[in-house]
Amino acid sequence: MRALQSLLANAKRMLRSASGEMSRRKDLLRLAAWFDAAGPDEAHDLAVAAFGLYGARHLGVAPEPDLSVPAYVSWWTGPAVDVPVALRERAAGLCADAPRRSRTTPSRSDA
């Protein structure tokens, strides 16, 4: 049984090297060593560079620090948010693909 396992392991290794697939173990160990040696700010910069964890600038502008609202505050009772006019004007077209009432279906006022 041990001979068969060894044979299969060697065959996998040969196939991996023939296909150009390489192990990234050394690279990951080097990256782990960099994280271990880095301070908190350097570790954040390293994570951004290594994993592409860039800020989501497309989600909008960050709120002002003094206006932060805890996560448990309901939208109903929380402070109002200023919505730009351009967004309000374009928002009407965002649901253009929504299903519409068929002309053959009577509306509630017809019933």
PDB file of N, CA and C in Angstrom:
ATOM      1  N   MET A   1       0.822  -1.188   0.000  1.00  0.00           N
ATOM      2  CA  MET A   1       0.000   0.000   0.000  1.00  0.00           C
ATOM      3  C   MET A   1       0.870   1.259   0.000  1.00  0.00           C
ATOM      4  N   ARG A   2       1.939   1.257   0.794  1.00  0.00           N
ATOM      5  CA  ARG A   2       2.835   2.406   0.866  1.00  0.00           C
ATOM      6  C   ARG A   2       3.510   2.669  -0.479  1.00  0.00           C
ATOM      7  N   ALA A   3       3.842   1.604  -1.185  1.00  0.00           N
ATOM      8  CA  ALA A   3       4.475   1.761  -2.501  1.00  0.00           C
ATOM      9  C   ALA A   3       3.511   2.421  -3.482  1.00  0.00           C
ATOM     10  N   LEU A   4       2.235   2.043  -3.413  1.00  0.00           N
ATOM     11  CA  LEU A   4       1.230   2.626  -4.303  1.00  0.00           C
ATOM     12  C   LEU A   4       1.041   4.118  -3.992  1.00  0.00           C
ATOM     13  N   GLN A   5       1.008   4.475  -2.707  1.00  0.00           N
ATOM     14  CA  GLN A   5       0.874   5.883  -2.335  1.00  0.00           C
ATOM     15  C   GLN A   5       2.072   6.696  -2.820  1.00  0.00           C
ATOM     16  N   SER A   6       3.252   6.130  -2.687  1.00  0.00           N
ATOM     17  CA  SER A   6       4.460   6.805  -3.148  1.00  0.00           C
ATOM     18  C   SER A   6       4.436   6.983  -4.664  1.00  0.00           C
ATOM     19  N   LEU A   7       3.997   5.941  -5.369  1.00  0.00           N
ATOM     20  CA  LEU A   7       3.914   6.003  -6.830  1.00  0.00           C
ATOM     21  C   LEU A   7       2.926   7.090  -7.266  1.00  0.00           C
ATOM     22  N   LEU A   8       1.768   7.144  -6.611  1.00  0.00           N
ATOM     23  CA  LEU A   8       0.766   8.151  -6.960  1.00  0.00           C
ATOM     24  C   LEU A   8       1.264   9.562  -6.640  1.00  0.00           C
ATOM     25  N   ALA A   9       1.945   9.727  -5.522  1.00  0.00           N
ATOM     26  CA  ALA A   9       2.484  11.039  -5.161  1.00  0.00           C
ATOM     27  C   ALA A   9       3.515  11.503  -6.178  1.00  0.00           C
ATOM     28  N   ASN A  10       4.384  10.590  -6.608  1.00  0.00           N
ATOM     29  CA  ASN A  10       5.387  10.941  -7.617  1.00  0.00           C
ATOM     30  C   ASN A  10       4.738  11.262  -8.956  1.00  0.00           C
ATOM     31  N   ALA A  11       3.701  10.508  -9.315  1.00  0.00           N
ATOM     32  CA  ALA A  11       3.002  10.771 -10.578  1.00  0.00           C
ATOM     33  C   ALA A  11       2.336  12.149 -10.543  1.00  0.00           C
ATOM     34  N   LYS A  12       1.715  12.492  -9.417  1.00  0.00           N
ATOM     35  CA  LYS A  12       1.097  13.818  -9.286  1.00  0.00           C
ATOM     36  C   LYS A  12       2.140  14.920  -9.406  1.00  0.00           C
ATOM     37  N   ARG A  13       3.290  14.726  -8.764  1.00  0.00           N
ATOM     38  CA  ARG A  13       4.350  15.723  -8.819  1.00  0.00           C
ATOM     39  C   ARG A  13       4.850  15.907 -10.243  1.00  0.00           C
ATOM     40  N   MET A  14       5.012  14.797 -10.980  1.00  0.00           N
ATOM     41  CA  MET A  14       5.476  14.900 -12.369  1.00  0.00           C
ATOM     42  C   MET A  14       4.438  15.603 -13.239  1.00  0.00           C
ATOM     43  N   LEU A  15       3.167  15.278 -13.043  1.00  0.00           N
ATOM     44  CA  LEU A  15       2.114  15.927 -13.824  1.00  0.00           C
ATOM     45  C   LEU A  15       2.043  17.426 -13.511  1.00  0.00           C
ATOM     46  N   ARG A  16       2.201  17.768 -12.241  1.00  0.00           N
ATOM     47  CA  ARG A  16       2.165  19.166 -11.842  1.00  0.00           C
ATOM     48  C   ARG A  16       3.312  19.944 -12.474  1.00  0.00           C
ATOM     49  N   SER A  17       4.505  19.374 -12.466  1.00  0.00           N
ATOM     50  CA  SER A  17       5.653  20.074 -13.039  1.00  0.00           C
ATOM     51  C   SER A  17       5.544  20.147 -14.558  1.00  0.00           C
ATOM     52  N   ALA A  18       4.932  19.143 -15.184  1.00  0.00           N
ATOM     53  CA  ALA A  18       4.780  19.152 -16.639  1.00  0.00           C
ATOM     54  C   ALA A  18       3.747  20.190 -17.079  1.00  0.00           C
ATOM     55  N   SER A  19       2.732  20.423 -16.274  1.00  0.00           N
ATOM     56  CA  SER A  19       1.681  21.368 -16.649  1.00  0.00           C
ATOM     57  C   SER A  19       2.061  22.807 -16.305  1.00  0.00           C
ATOM     58  N   GLY A  20       3.175  23.005 -15.656  1.00  0.00           N
ATOM     59  CA  GLY A  20       3.604  24.347 -15.302  1.00  0.00           C
ATOM     60  C   GLY A  20       3.017  24.835 -13.991  1.00  0.00           C
ATOM     61  N   GLU A  21       2.199  24.030 -13.333  1.00  0.00           N
ATOM     62  CA  GLU A  21       1.611  24.414 -12.057  1.00  0.00           C
ATOM     63  C   GLU A  21       2.694  24.366 -10.988  1.00  0.00           C
ATOM     64  N   MET A  22       2.783  25.427 -10.222  1.00  0.00           N
ATOM     65  CA  MET A  22       3.815  25.480  -9.195  1.00  0.00           C
ATOM     66  C   MET A  22       3.170  25.731  -7.841  1.00  0.00           C
ATOM     67  N   SER A  23       3.842  25.278  -6.822  1.00  0.00           N
ATOM     68  CA  SER A  23       3.361  25.512  -5.465  1.00  0.00           C
ATOM     69  C   SER A  23       3.717  26.937  -5.051  1.00  0.00           C
ATOM     70  N   ARG A  24       2.836  27.580  -4.341  1.00  0.00           N
ATOM     71  CA  ARG A  24       3.075  28.934  -3.848  1.00  0.00           C
ATOM     72  C   ARG A  24       3.426  28.916  -2.359  1.00  0.00           C
ATOM     73  N   ARG A  25       3.816  27.751  -1.868  1.00  0.00           N
ATOM     74  CA  ARG A  25       4.110  27.609  -0.445  1.00  0.00           C
ATOM     75  C   ARG A  25       5.215  28.565   0.000  1.00  0.00           C
ATOM     76  N   LYS A  26       6.311  28.633  -0.758  1.00  0.00           N
ATOM     77  CA  LYS A  26       7.423  29.514  -0.394  1.00  0.00           C
ATOM     78  C   LYS A  26       6.980  30.977  -0.376  1.00  0.00           C
ATOM     79  N   ASP A  27       6.200  31.352  -1.386  1.00  0.00           N
ATOM     80  CA  ASP A  27       5.720  32.733  -1.459  1.00  0.00           C
ATOM     81  C   ASP A  27       4.832  33.069  -0.266  1.00  0.00           C
ATOM     82  N   LEU A  28       3.948  32.142   0.098  1.00  0.00           N
ATOM     83  CA  LEU A  28       3.054  32.386   1.228  1.00  0.00           C
ATOM     84  C   LEU A  28       3.816  32.434   2.549  1.00  0.00           C
ATOM     85  N   LEU A  29       4.836  31.597   2.689  1.00  0.00           N
ATOM     86  CA  LEU A  29       5.655  31.641   3.906  1.00  0.00           C
ATOM     87  C   LEU A  29       6.423  32.959   4.003  1.00  0.00           C
ATOM     88  N   ARG A  30       6.930  33.454   2.882  1.00  0.00           N
ATOM     89  CA  ARG A  30       7.628  34.737   2.873  1.00  0.00           C
ATOM     90  C   ARG A  30       6.658  35.867   3.237  1.00  0.00           C
ATOM     91  N   LEU A  31       5.446  35.817   2.675  1.00  0.00           N
ATOM     92  CA  LEU A  31       4.438  36.824   2.996  1.00  0.00           C
ATOM     93  C   LEU A  31       4.069  36.775   4.481  1.00  0.00           C
ATOM     94  N   ALA A  32       3.947  35.565   5.026  1.00  0.00           N
ATOM     95  CA  ALA A  32       3.643  35.414   6.454  1.00  0.00           C
ATOM     96  C   ALA A  32       4.759  36.003   7.310  1.00  0.00           C
ATOM     97  N   ALA A  33       5.999  35.819   6.892  1.00  0.00           N
ATOM     98  CA  ALA A  33       7.125  36.392   7.635  1.00  0.00           C
ATOM     99  C   ALA A  33       7.076  37.918   7.588  1.00  0.00           C
ATOM    100  N   TRP A  34       6.705  38.477   6.444  1.00  0.00           N
ATOM    101  CA  TRP A  34       6.579  39.933   6.336  1.00  0.00           C
ATOM    102  C   TRP A  34       5.486  40.452   7.268  1.00  0.00           C
ATOM    103  N   PHE A  35       4.348  39.740   7.309  1.00  0.00           N
ATOM    104  CA  PHE A  35       3.272  40.140   8.213  1.00  0.00           C
ATOM    105  C   PHE A  35       3.733  40.059   9.664  1.00  0.00           C
ATOM    106  N   ASP A  36       4.487  39.022   9.993  1.00  0.00           N
ATOM    107  CA  ASP A  36       4.957  38.828  11.359  1.00  0.00           C
ATOM    108  C   ASP A  36       5.905  39.947  11.781  1.00  0.00           C
ATOM    109  N   ALA A  37       6.734  40.415  10.861  1.00  0.00           N
ATOM    110  CA  ALA A  37       7.722  41.443  11.180  1.00  0.00           C
ATOM    111  C   ALA A  37       7.150  42.858  11.102  1.00  0.00           C
ATOM    112  N   ALA A  38       5.996  43.026  10.493  1.00  0.00           N
ATOM    113  CA  ALA A  38       5.440  44.365  10.264  1.00  0.00           C
ATOM    114  C   ALA A  38       4.696  44.882  11.483  1.00  0.00           C
ATOM    115  N   GLY A  39       4.689  46.193  11.606  1.00  0.00           N
ATOM    116  CA  GLY A  39       3.864  46.849  12.620  1.00  0.00           C
ATOM    117  C   GLY A  39       2.432  46.939  12.105  1.00  0.00           C
ATOM    118  N   PRO A  40       1.504  47.447  12.930  1.00  0.00           N
ATOM    119  CA  PRO A  40       0.092  47.496  12.511  1.00  0.00           C
ATOM    120  C   PRO A  40      -0.142  48.274  11.212  1.00  0.00           C
ATOM    121  N   ASP A  41       0.446  49.463  11.081  1.00  0.00           N
ATOM    122  CA  ASP A  41       0.236  50.253   9.863  1.00  0.00           C
ATOM    123  C   ASP A  41       0.876  49.587   8.651  1.00  0.00           C
ATOM    124  N   GLU A  42       2.073  49.047   8.840  1.00  0.00           N
ATOM    125  CA  GLU A  42       2.745  48.355   7.735  1.00  0.00           C
ATOM    126  C   GLU A  42       1.973  47.101   7.329  1.00  0.00           C
ATOM    127  N   ALA A  43       1.386  46.409   8.313  1.00  0.00           N
ATOM    128  CA  ALA A  43       0.612  45.200   8.008  1.00  0.00           C
ATOM    129  C   ALA A  43      -0.620  45.542   7.177  1.00  0.00           C
ATOM    130  N   HIS A  44      -1.268  46.677   7.477  1.00  0.00           N
ATOM    131  CA  HIS A  44      -2.424  47.093   6.677  1.00  0.00           C
ATOM    132  C   HIS A  44      -2.003  47.405   5.244  1.00  0.00           C
ATOM    133  N   ASP A  45      -0.893  48.125   5.096  1.00  0.00           N
ATOM    134  CA  ASP A  45      -0.397  48.442   3.754  1.00  0.00           C
ATOM    135  C   ASP A  45      -0.012  47.175   3.001  1.00  0.00           C
ATOM    136  N   LEU A  46       0.583  46.227   3.710  1.00  0.00           N
ATOM    137  CA  LEU A  46       0.973  44.963   3.093  1.00  0.00           C
ATOM    138  C   LEU A  46      -0.249  44.165   2.650  1.00  0.00           C
ATOM    139  N   ALA A  47      -1.297  44.155   3.470  1.00  0.00           N
ATOM    140  CA  ALA A  47      -2.525  43.441   3.107  1.00  0.00           C
ATOM    141  C   ALA A  47      -3.161  44.056   1.869  1.00  0.00           C
ATOM    142  N   VAL A  48      -3.151  45.381   1.797  1.00  0.00           N
ATOM    143  CA  VAL A  48      -3.701  46.057   0.616  1.00  0.00           C
ATOM    144  C   VAL A  48      -2.914  45.660  -0.624  1.00  0.00           C
ATOM    145  N   ALA A  49      -1.588  45.679  -0.514  1.00  0.00           N
ATOM    146  CA  ALA A  49      -0.756  45.356  -1.670  1.00  0.00           C
ATOM    147  C   ALA A  49      -0.844  43.883  -2.052  1.00  0.00           C
ATOM    148  N   ALA A  50      -0.906  43.000  -1.065  1.00  0.00           N
ATOM    149  CA  ALA A  50      -0.890  41.562  -1.352  1.00  0.00           C
ATOM    150  C   ALA A  50      -2.228  41.041  -1.845  1.00  0.00           C
ATOM    151  N   PHE A  51      -3.316  41.559  -1.296  1.00  0.00           N
ATOM    152  CA  PHE A  51      -4.631  40.989  -1.603  1.00  0.00           C
ATOM    153  C   PHE A  51      -5.548  41.934  -2.371  1.00  0.00           C
ATOM    154  N   GLY A  52      -5.083  43.131  -2.704  1.00  0.00           N
ATOM    155  CA  GLY A  52      -5.897  44.070  -3.465  1.00  0.00           C
ATOM    156  C   GLY A  52      -7.081  44.598  -2.685  1.00  0.00           C
ATOM    157  N   LEU A  53      -6.910  44.811  -1.389  1.00  0.00           N
ATOM    158  CA  LEU A  53      -8.010  45.275  -0.540  1.00  0.00           C
ATOM    159  C   LEU A  53      -8.059  46.802  -0.518  1.00  0.00           C
ATOM    160  N   TYR A  54      -8.324  47.376  -1.666  1.00  0.00           N
ATOM    161  CA  TYR A  54      -8.387  48.828  -1.771  1.00  0.00           C
ATOM    162  C   TYR A  54      -9.751  49.323  -1.324  1.00  0.00           C
ATOM    163  N   GLY A  55      -9.821  50.577  -0.944  1.00  0.00           N
ATOM    164  CA  GLY A  55     -11.072  51.175  -0.503  1.00  0.00           C
ATOM    165  C   GLY A  55     -12.110  51.185  -1.616  1.00  0.00           C
ATOM    166  N   ALA A  56     -13.369  51.089  -1.235  1.00  0.00           N
ATOM    167  CA  ALA A  56     -14.462  51.093  -2.209  1.00  0.00           C
ATOM    168  C   ALA A  56     -14.895  52.531  -2.449  1.00  0.00           C
ATOM    169  N   ARG A  57     -14.186  53.223  -3.327  1.00  0.00           N
ATOM    170  CA  ARG A  57     -14.493  54.626  -3.595  1.00  0.00           C
ATOM    171  C   ARG A  57     -15.794  54.780  -4.365  1.00  0.00           C
ATOM    172  N   HIS A  58     -16.244  53.740  -5.021  1.00  0.00           N
ATOM    173  CA  HIS A  58     -17.467  53.841  -5.815  1.00  0.00           C
ATOM    174  C   HIS A  58     -18.724  53.831  -4.950  1.00  0.00           C
ATOM    175  N   LEU A  59     -18.596  53.589  -3.664  1.00  0.00           N
ATOM    176  CA  LEU A  59     -19.771  53.518  -2.802  1.00  0.00           C
ATOM    177  C   LEU A  59     -20.206  54.877  -2.271  1.00  0.00           C
ATOM    178  N   GLY A  60     -19.466  55.905  -2.539  1.00  0.00           N
ATOM    179  CA  GLY A  60     -19.876  57.229  -2.106  1.00  0.00           C
ATOM    180  C   GLY A  60     -18.856  57.874  -1.199  1.00  0.00           C
ATOM    181  N   VAL A  61     -19.246  58.981  -0.657  1.00  0.00           N
ATOM    182  CA  VAL A  61     -18.368  59.761   0.204  1.00  0.00           C
ATOM    183  C   VAL A  61     -18.529  59.282   1.642  1.00  0.00           C
ATOM    184  N   ALA A  62     -17.432  59.221   2.348  1.00  0.00           N
ATOM    185  CA  ALA A  62     -17.477  58.789   3.751  1.00  0.00           C
ATOM    186  C   ALA A  62     -18.227  59.823   4.582  1.00  0.00           C
ATOM    187  N   PRO A  63     -18.973  59.372   5.583  1.00  0.00           N
ATOM    188  CA  PRO A  63     -19.705  60.329   6.420  1.00  0.00           C
ATOM    189  C   PRO A  63     -18.739  61.155   7.263  1.00  0.00           C
ATOM    190  N   GLU A  64     -19.208  62.294   7.685  1.00  0.00           N
ATOM    191  CA  GLU A  64     -18.393  63.137   8.550  1.00  0.00           C
ATOM    192  C   GLU A  64     -18.220  62.428   9.893  1.00  0.00           C
ATOM    193  N   PRO A  65     -17.041  62.501  10.503  1.00  0.00           N
ATOM    194  CA  PRO A  65     -16.775  61.747  11.736  1.00  0.00           C
ATOM    195  C   PRO A  65     -17.732  62.069  12.877  1.00  0.00           C
ATOM    196  N   ASP A  66     -18.170  63.321  12.998  1.00  0.00           N
ATOM    197  CA  ASP A  66     -19.049  63.667  14.112  1.00  0.00           C
ATOM    198  C   ASP A  66     -20.486  63.214  13.883  1.00  0.00           C
ATOM    199  N   LEU A  67     -20.822  62.745  12.687  1.00  0.00           N
ATOM    200  CA  LEU A  67     -22.178  62.303  12.385  1.00  0.00           C
ATOM    201  C   LEU A  67     -22.307  60.782  12.338  1.00  0.00           C
ATOM    202  N   SER A  68     -21.368  60.068  12.927  1.00  0.00           N
ATOM    203  CA  SER A  68     -21.457  58.611  12.877  1.00  0.00           C
ATOM    204  C   SER A  68     -22.651  58.136  13.705  1.00  0.00           C
ATOM    205  N   VAL A  69     -23.367  57.178  13.156  1.00  0.00           N
ATOM    206  CA  VAL A  69     -24.572  56.652  13.793  1.00  0.00           C
ATOM    207  C   VAL A  69     -24.324  55.181  14.096  1.00  0.00           C
ATOM    208  N   PRO A  70     -24.609  54.723  15.307  1.00  0.00           N
ATOM    209  CA  PRO A  70     -24.402  53.306  15.631  1.00  0.00           C
ATOM    210  C   PRO A  70     -25.234  52.395  14.728  1.00  0.00           C
ATOM    211  N   ALA A  71     -24.782  51.183  14.554  1.00  0.00           N
ATOM    212  CA  ALA A  71     -25.438  50.237  13.649  1.00  0.00           C
ATOM    213  C   ALA A  71     -26.827  49.840  14.121  1.00  0.00           C
ATOM    214  N   TYR A  72     -27.105  49.937  15.401  1.00  0.00           N
ATOM    215  CA  TYR A  72     -28.403  49.493  15.916  1.00  0.00           C
ATOM    216  C   TYR A  72     -29.502  50.549  15.767  1.00  0.00           C
ATOM    217  N   VAL A  73     -29.163  51.753  15.318  1.00  0.00           N
ATOM    218  CA  VAL A  73     -30.166  52.808  15.145  1.00  0.00           C
ATOM    219  C   VAL A  73     -30.996  52.510  13.900  1.00  0.00           C
ATOM    220  N   SER A  74     -32.307  52.560  14.057  1.00  0.00           N
ATOM    221  CA  SER A  74     -33.221  52.294  12.949  1.00  0.00           C
ATOM    222  C   SER A  74     -33.164  53.424  11.933  1.00  0.00           C
ATOM    223  N   TRP A  75     -33.370  53.091  10.676  1.00  0.00           N
ATOM    224  CA  TRP A  75     -33.434  54.112   9.636  1.00  0.00           C
ATOM    225  C   TRP A  75     -34.625  55.031   9.888  1.00  0.00           C
ATOM    226  N   TRP A  76     -35.631  54.498  10.515  1.00  0.00           N
ATOM    227  CA  TRP A  76     -36.851  55.258  10.765  1.00  0.00           C
ATOM    228  C   TRP A  76     -36.596  56.396  11.756  1.00  0.00           C
ATOM    229  N   THR A  77     -35.822  56.115  12.806  1.00  0.00           N
ATOM    230  CA  THR A  77     -35.582  57.112  13.850  1.00  0.00           C
ATOM    231  C   THR A  77     -34.234  57.804  13.717  1.00  0.00           C
ATOM    232  N   GLY A  78     -33.376  57.341  12.846  1.00  0.00           N
ATOM    233  CA  GLY A  78     -32.047  57.919  12.684  1.00  0.00           C
ATOM    234  C   GLY A  78     -32.082  59.250  11.959  1.00  0.00           C
ATOM    235  N   PRO A  79     -30.931  59.912  11.893  1.00  0.00           N
ATOM    236  CA  PRO A  79     -30.872  61.208  11.217  1.00  0.00           C
ATOM    237  C   PRO A  79     -31.078  61.057   9.707  1.00  0.00           C
ATOM    238  N   ALA A  80     -31.613  62.096   9.109  1.00  0.00           N
ATOM    239  CA  ALA A  80     -31.855  62.085   7.660  1.00  0.00           C
ATOM    240  C   ALA A  80     -30.530  62.205   6.916  1.00  0.00           C
ATOM    241  N   VAL A  81     -30.508  61.673   5.728  1.00  0.00           N
ATOM    242  CA  VAL A  81     -29.321  61.718   4.887  1.00  0.00           C
ATOM    243  C   VAL A  81     -29.613  62.630   3.710  1.00  0.00           C
ATOM    244  N   ASP A  82     -28.667  63.488   3.392  1.00  0.00           N
ATOM    245  CA  ASP A  82     -28.829  64.395   2.263  1.00  0.00           C
ATOM    246  C   ASP A  82     -28.569  63.624   0.972  1.00  0.00           C
ATOM    247  N   VAL A  83     -29.562  63.560   0.100  1.00  0.00           N
ATOM    248  CA  VAL A  83     -29.431  62.867  -1.181  1.00  0.00           C
ATOM    249  C   VAL A  83     -29.274  63.920  -2.267  1.00  0.00           C
ATOM    250  N   PRO A  84     -28.187  63.868  -3.040  1.00  0.00           N
ATOM    251  CA  PRO A  84     -27.984  64.871  -4.086  1.00  0.00           C
ATOM    252  C   PRO A  84     -29.126  64.864  -5.106  1.00  0.00           C
ATOM    253  N   VAL A  85     -29.407  66.035  -5.662  1.00  0.00           N
ATOM    254  CA  VAL A  85     -30.493  66.177  -6.631  1.00  0.00           C
ATOM    255  C   VAL A  85     -30.249  65.284  -7.840  1.00  0.00           C
ATOM    256  N   ALA A  86     -29.009  65.204  -8.301  1.00  0.00           N
ATOM    257  CA  ALA A  86     -28.703  64.395  -9.483  1.00  0.00           C
ATOM    258  C   ALA A  86     -29.078  62.935  -9.253  1.00  0.00           C
ATOM    259  N   LEU A  87     -28.848  62.437  -8.060  1.00  0.00           N
ATOM    260  CA  LEU A  87     -29.192  61.049  -7.764  1.00  0.00           C
ATOM    261  C   LEU A  87     -30.702  60.871  -7.727  1.00  0.00           C
ATOM    262  N   ARG A  88     -31.413  61.842  -7.159  1.00  0.00           N
ATOM    263  CA  ARG A  88     -32.872  61.739  -7.113  1.00  0.00           C
ATOM    264  C   ARG A  88     -33.466  61.761  -8.513  1.00  0.00           C
ATOM    265  N   GLU A  89     -32.888  62.551  -9.409  1.00  0.00           N
ATOM    266  CA  GLU A  89     -33.415  62.627 -10.776  1.00  0.00           C
ATOM    267  C   GLU A  89     -33.143  61.344 -11.542  1.00  0.00           C
ATOM    268  N   ARG A  90     -31.967  60.762 -11.349  1.00  0.00           N
ATOM    269  CA  ARG A  90     -31.618  59.536 -12.070  1.00  0.00           C
ATOM    270  C   ARG A  90     -32.244  58.303 -11.452  1.00  0.00           C
ATOM    271  N   ALA A  91     -32.611  58.358 -10.196  1.00  0.00           N
ATOM    272  CA  ALA A  91     -33.133  57.178  -9.505  1.00  0.00           C
ATOM    273  C   ALA A  91     -34.433  56.695 -10.121  1.00  0.00           C
ATOM    274  N   ALA A  92     -35.203  57.576 -10.732  1.00  0.00           N
ATOM    275  CA  ALA A  92     -36.464  57.166 -11.350  1.00  0.00           C
ATOM    276  C   ALA A  92     -36.215  56.199 -12.500  1.00  0.00           C
ATOM    277  N   GLY A  93     -35.098  56.332 -13.185  1.00  0.00           N
ATOM    278  CA  GLY A  93     -34.788  55.454 -14.309  1.00  0.00           C
ATOM    279  C   GLY A  93     -34.127  54.154 -13.901  1.00  0.00           C
ATOM    280  N   LEU A  94     -33.792  53.999 -12.618  1.00  0.00           N
ATOM    281  CA  LEU A  94     -33.109  52.786 -12.185  1.00  0.00           C
ATOM    282  C   LEU A  94     -34.013  51.565 -12.238  1.00  0.00           C
ATOM    283  N   CYS A  95     -35.309  51.752 -12.096  1.00  0.00           N
ATOM    284  CA  CYS A  95     -36.244  50.630 -12.080  1.00  0.00           C
ATOM    285  C   CYS A  95     -36.938  50.468 -13.427  1.00  0.00           C
ATOM    286  N   ALA A  96     -36.303  50.902 -14.488  1.00  0.00           N
ATOM    287  CA  ALA A  96     -36.937  50.855 -15.807  1.00  0.00           C
ATOM    288  C   ALA A  96     -37.202  49.425 -16.253  1.00  0.00           C
ATOM    289  N   ASP A  97     -36.414  48.470 -15.776  1.00  0.00           N
ATOM    290  CA  ASP A  97     -36.590  47.077 -16.187  1.00  0.00           C
ATOM    291  C   ASP A  97     -37.561  46.321 -15.294  1.00  0.00           C
ATOM    292  N   ALA A  98     -38.169  46.988 -14.354  1.00  0.00           N
ATOM    293  CA  ALA A  98     -39.100  46.315 -13.451  1.00  0.00           C
ATOM    294  C   ALA A  98     -40.340  45.884 -14.228  1.00  0.00           C
ATOM    295  N   PRO A  99     -40.924  44.754 -13.865  1.00  0.00           N
ATOM    296  CA  PRO A  99     -42.129  44.307 -14.578  1.00  0.00           C
ATOM    297  C   PRO A  99     -43.263  45.299 -14.375  1.00  0.00           C
ATOM    298  N   ARG A 100     -43.988  45.523 -15.417  1.00  0.00           N
ATOM    299  CA  ARG A 100     -45.095  46.478 -15.354  1.00  0.00           C
ATOM    300  C   ARG A 100     -46.412  45.741 -15.438  1.00  0.00           C
ATOM    301  N   ARG A 101     -47.435  46.398 -14.988  1.00  0.00           N
ATOM    302  CA  ARG A 101     -48.771  45.809 -15.008  1.00  0.00           C
ATOM    303  C   ARG A 101     -49.223  45.678 -16.457  1.00  0.00           C
ATOM    304  N   SER A 102     -49.732  44.533 -16.782  1.00  0.00           N
ATOM    305  CA  SER A 102     -50.234  44.286 -18.129  1.00  0.00           C
ATOM    306  C   SER A 102     -51.505  45.088 -18.347  1.00  0.00           C
ATOM    307  N   ARG A 103     -51.717  45.527 -19.576  1.00  0.00           N
ATOM    308  CA  ARG A 103     -52.937  46.295 -19.871  1.00  0.00           C
ATOM    309  C   ARG A 103     -54.176  45.423 -19.773  1.00  0.00           C
ATOM    310  N   THR A 104     -54.003  44.105 -19.900  1.00  0.00           N
ATOM    311  CA  THR A 104     -55.161  43.215 -19.822  1.00  0.00           C
ATOM    312  C   THR A 104     -55.545  42.913 -18.388  1.00  0.00           C
ATOM    313  N   THR A 105     -54.637  43.171 -17.448  1.00  0.00           N
ATOM    314  CA  THR A 105     -54.925  42.913 -16.038  1.00  0.00           C
ATOM    315  C   THR A 105     -55.643  44.122 -15.461  1.00  0.00           C
ATOM    316  N   PRO A 106     -56.822  43.938 -14.896  1.00  0.00           N
ATOM    317  CA  PRO A 106     -57.535  45.095 -14.343  1.00  0.00           C
ATOM    318  C   PRO A 106     -56.812  45.630 -13.114  1.00  0.00           C
ATOM    319  N   SER A 107     -56.799  46.925 -12.962  1.00  0.00           N
ATOM    320  CA  SER A 107     -56.184  47.527 -11.782  1.00  0.00           C
ATOM    321  C   SER A 107     -57.185  47.488 -10.636  1.00  0.00           C
ATOM    322  N   ARG A 108     -56.758  47.862  -9.463  1.00  0.00           N
ATOM    323  CA  ARG A 108     -57.643  47.820  -8.296  1.00  0.00           C
ATOM    324  C   ARG A 108     -58.792  48.813  -8.449  1.00  0.00           C
ATOM    325  N   SER A 109     -58.524  49.920  -9.124  1.00  0.00           N
ATOM    326  CA  SER A 109     -59.585  50.918  -9.274  1.00  0.00           C
ATOM    327  C   SER A 109     -60.677  50.438 -10.229  1.00  0.00           C
ATOM    328  N   ASP A 110     -60.306  49.502 -11.163  1.00  0.00           N
ATOM    329  CA  ASP A 110     -61.290  48.967 -12.102  1.00  0.00           C
ATOM    330  C   ASP A 110     -62.166  47.910 -11.460  1.00  0.00           C
ATOM    331  N   ALA A 111     -61.674  47.281 -10.430  1.00  0.00           N
ATOM    332  CA  ALA A 111     -62.401  46.156  -9.829  1.00  0.00           C
ATOM    333  C   ALA A 111     -63.529  46.600  -8.962  1.00  0.00           C
TER     334      ALA A 111
END
